[in-house]
Amino acid sequence: MVLWSKQGVSVRKLEAGDADHLVRWLSDPRVLEYYEGRDRPHDMAMVQEHFYRDDQIEACIIQLDDRDIGYIQYYPVDPEEREVYGYGEGDGRIFGMDQFIGEPDCWNRGIGTRLIQGMVSYLTNTLQADKIVMDPQTWNARALRVYEKCGFRKIKLLEKREWHEGEYRDCWLIEYSAANGEEK
């Protein structure tokens, strides 16, 4: 089921047959450098365990002109994460999202910008998100540039937030606020 499509980029729900793509993408050191870590290549069992759970995470596939090129997930931020991030009940509906483009030939072509813009529009307009948050690692300058271009802003440093390649890495909590109206 396609959730949205814009300028050749679309997002559809994850299907059972997508596991082979995830294994291939998450076995590629070029992808793992940015997502999960090069010391964590995924086999089929890991993909099944991590991506085919029955929880509140909406797992999806990114497509470019009907070619499967990556993975994106979104989810309502749970009360524990809201507290860590410094949000209260008055902050409204908050969604988190994580993504990667698994086909390196699709990097540095503006696809990530179109993806994030489309996903922000979907979450704010269709799911009525008040805020969207992500926590990219601080060293991932390319991703941070894309997110900032799409209206996200740095909120706070999350020290030693994510285990990546043998050490805890700092991340930025970044936020898109629908009240600012960039995508509505």
Protein backbone atom coordinates (compact mmCIF):
# COMPACT_ATOMS: atom_id res chain seq x y z
CA MET A 1 0.00 0.00 0.00
CA VAL A 2 1.50 3.32 -1.10
CA LEU A 3 1.24 6.01 1.60
CA TRP A 4 2.32 8.92 -0.58
CA SER A 5 4.10 9.72 -3.82
CA LYS A 6 5.69 12.98 -4.95
CA GLN A 7 8.26 13.88 -7.62
CA GLY A 8 9.11 10.23 -8.35
CA VAL A 9 9.66 9.34 -4.67
CA SER A 10 7.07 7.20 -2.90
CA VAL A 11 6.72 5.36 0.39
CA ARG A 12 4.83 2.11 0.75
CA LYS A 13 4.25 -0.29 3.62
CA LEU A 14 6.85 -3.00 4.22
CA GLU A 15 5.87 -6.41 2.83
CA ALA A 16 7.19 -9.91 3.57
CA GLY A 17 9.05 -10.02 0.24
CA ASP A 18 11.07 -6.93 1.14
CA ALA A 19 13.27 -8.85 3.59
CA ASP A 20 15.77 -9.70 0.83
CA HIS A 21 16.26 -5.98 0.10
CA LEU A 22 16.84 -5.25 3.78
CA VAL A 23 19.41 -8.05 4.09
CA ARG A 24 21.26 -6.77 1.02
CA TRP A 25 21.21 -3.12 2.13
CA LEU A 26 22.16 -3.94 5.72
CA SER A 27 25.07 -6.11 4.59
CA ASP A 28 26.63 -3.29 2.57
CA PRO A 29 29.41 -1.56 4.57
CA ARG A 30 28.65 1.73 2.77
CA VAL A 31 25.12 1.70 4.20
CA LEU A 32 26.12 0.27 7.58
CA GLU A 33 28.56 3.13 8.12
CA TYR A 34 25.49 5.33 8.63
CA TYR A 35 22.80 2.91 9.84
CA GLU A 36 23.39 0.17 12.44
CA GLY A 37 27.21 0.11 12.06
CA ARG A 38 29.66 -1.85 9.94
CA ASP A 39 30.11 -4.29 12.81
CA ARG A 40 26.41 -5.27 12.59
CA PRO A 41 25.71 -6.74 9.15
CA HIS A 42 22.21 -8.18 9.12
CA ASP A 43 21.27 -11.66 8.04
CA MET A 44 17.70 -12.81 7.41
CA ALA A 45 17.09 -13.71 11.07
CA MET A 46 18.15 -10.24 12.25
CA VAL A 47 16.02 -8.55 9.60
CA GLN A 48 12.99 -10.62 10.61
CA GLU A 49 13.54 -9.83 14.29
CA HIS A 50 14.15 -6.08 13.90
CA PHE A 51 11.94 -5.06 10.99
CA TYR A 52 8.96 -7.42 11.13
CA ARG A 53 7.83 -6.80 14.70
CA ASP A 54 4.23 -6.34 15.67
CA ASP A 55 4.51 -3.01 17.45
CA GLN A 56 3.65 0.65 16.89
CA ILE A 57 6.42 1.18 14.34
CA GLU A 58 5.15 1.63 10.79
CA ALA A 59 7.85 0.04 8.64
CA CYS A 60 7.98 1.18 5.01
CA ILE A 61 9.98 0.94 1.81
CA ILE A 62 11.22 4.00 -0.08
CA GLN A 63 10.81 3.87 -3.85
CA LEU A 64 12.24 5.97 -6.65
CA ASP A 65 10.26 5.59 -9.87
CA ASP A 66 8.95 2.21 -8.59
CA ARG A 67 12.47 0.96 -7.73
CA ASP A 68 12.91 -0.08 -4.07
CA ILE A 69 15.81 2.02 -2.77
CA GLY A 70 15.57 2.20 1.02
CA TYR A 71 13.74 1.94 4.30
CA ILE A 72 11.85 4.41 6.47
CA GLN A 73 9.90 3.95 9.68
CA TYR A 74 7.71 6.26 11.72
CA TYR A 75 6.05 5.86 15.09
CA PRO A 76 4.35 7.81 17.86
CA VAL A 77 7.00 8.77 20.42
CA ASP A 78 6.27 6.82 23.60
CA PRO A 79 6.04 8.43 27.07
CA GLU A 80 9.58 7.34 28.08
CA GLU A 81 11.15 8.92 24.98
CA ARG A 82 9.04 12.05 25.42
CA GLU A 83 10.52 12.42 28.89
CA VAL A 84 14.10 11.85 27.67
CA TYR A 85 13.54 14.43 24.93
CA GLY A 86 11.95 16.92 27.35
CA TYR A 87 8.41 16.87 25.96
CA GLY A 88 5.21 16.93 28.00
CA GLU A 89 1.59 16.15 27.22
CA GLY A 90 1.05 19.74 26.09
CA ASP A 91 3.42 19.21 23.17
CA GLY A 92 0.77 17.32 21.21
CA ARG A 93 1.17 14.42 18.78
CA ILE A 94 4.85 13.66 18.29
CA PHE A 95 6.15 11.18 15.76
CA GLY A 96 9.68 9.88 15.39
CA MET A 97 11.20 8.63 12.17
CA ASP A 98 14.33 6.86 10.99
CA GLN A 99 15.44 6.11 7.46
CA PHE A 100 18.22 5.14 5.12
CA ILE A 101 18.67 5.03 1.39
CA GLY A 102 20.10 1.57 0.78
CA GLU A 103 21.20 2.09 -2.82
CA PRO A 104 24.43 4.14 -2.87
CA ASP A 105 23.84 5.13 -6.50
CA CYS A 106 20.85 7.11 -5.17
CA TRP A 107 22.95 9.15 -2.73
CA ASN A 108 23.76 12.82 -3.35
CA ARG A 109 20.96 13.25 -5.89
CA GLY A 110 18.40 15.19 -3.83
CA ILE A 111 16.31 12.09 -3.18
CA GLY A 112 16.74 12.34 0.59
CA THR A 113 15.42 15.90 0.56
CA ARG A 114 12.35 14.87 -1.44
CA LEU A 115 11.85 11.89 0.88
CA ILE A 116 11.96 13.96 4.06
CA GLN A 117 9.74 16.70 2.60
CA GLY A 118 7.17 14.11 1.52
CA MET A 119 7.24 12.28 4.83
CA VAL A 120 6.88 15.53 6.80
CA SER A 121 3.87 16.44 4.66
CA TYR A 122 2.32 13.00 5.20
CA LEU A 123 2.87 13.01 8.96
CA THR A 124 1.64 16.57 9.52
CA ASN A 125 -1.27 16.62 7.06
CA THR A 126 -2.52 13.02 7.11
CA LEU A 127 -1.60 11.89 10.63
CA GLN A 128 -1.89 15.35 12.21
CA ALA A 129 1.58 15.30 13.79
CA ASP A 130 2.36 18.43 15.80
CA LYS A 131 6.06 17.61 15.90
CA ILE A 132 8.39 15.15 14.19
CA VAL A 133 11.67 14.21 15.84
CA MET A 134 14.81 12.35 14.84
CA ASP A 135 18.13 11.72 16.58
CA PRO A 136 20.91 11.52 13.96
CA GLN A 137 24.48 11.07 15.11
CA THR A 138 26.32 14.37 15.40
CA TRP A 139 29.01 13.39 12.85
CA ASN A 140 26.49 12.73 10.05
CA ALA A 141 26.76 16.19 8.48
CA ARG A 142 25.18 15.19 5.16
CA ALA A 143 22.00 13.94 6.84
CA LEU A 144 21.84 16.95 9.16
CA ARG A 145 22.05 19.32 6.17
CA VAL A 146 19.11 17.55 4.51
CA TYR A 147 17.03 17.64 7.69
CA GLU A 148 17.74 21.32 8.31
CA LYS A 149 16.89 22.11 4.67
CA CYS A 150 13.52 20.41 5.31
CA GLY A 151 12.69 22.54 8.35
CA PHE A 152 14.14 20.51 11.22
CA ARG A 153 16.14 22.33 13.86
CA LYS A 154 18.54 21.11 16.52
CA ILE A 155 16.90 21.00 19.94
CA LYS A 156 19.49 19.40 22.21
CA LEU A 157 22.56 17.22 22.29
CA LEU A 158 21.93 13.64 23.43
CA GLU A 159 25.29 12.54 24.78
CA LYS A 160 26.35 8.91 24.28
CA ARG A 161 22.90 8.14 22.86
CA GLU A 162 23.53 5.41 20.30
CA TRP A 163 25.83 2.38 20.23
CA HIS A 164 27.58 2.46 16.85
CA GLU A 165 30.69 0.58 15.79
CA GLY A 166 31.96 -0.25 19.26
CA GLU A 167 31.21 2.98 21.12
CA TYR A 168 28.41 5.20 22.29
CA ARG A 169 27.97 8.16 19.94
CA ASP A 170 26.43 11.56 20.55
CA CYS A 171 23.26 12.41 18.67
CA TRP A 172 21.29 15.56 18.02
CA LEU A 173 17.62 15.65 18.92
CA ILE A 174 16.16 17.49 15.95
CA GLU A 175 12.57 18.63 15.58
CA TYR A 176 10.16 19.71 12.90
CA SER A 177 7.27 21.72 14.32
CA ALA A 178 4.03 21.82 12.32
CA ALA A 179 3.19 25.09 14.09
CA ASN A 180 5.95 26.71 12.04
CA GLY A 181 3.94 25.79 8.95
CA GLU A 182 6.77 24.84 6.59
CA GLU A 183 4.88 21.91 5.05
CA LYS A 184 1.21 22.50 5.89
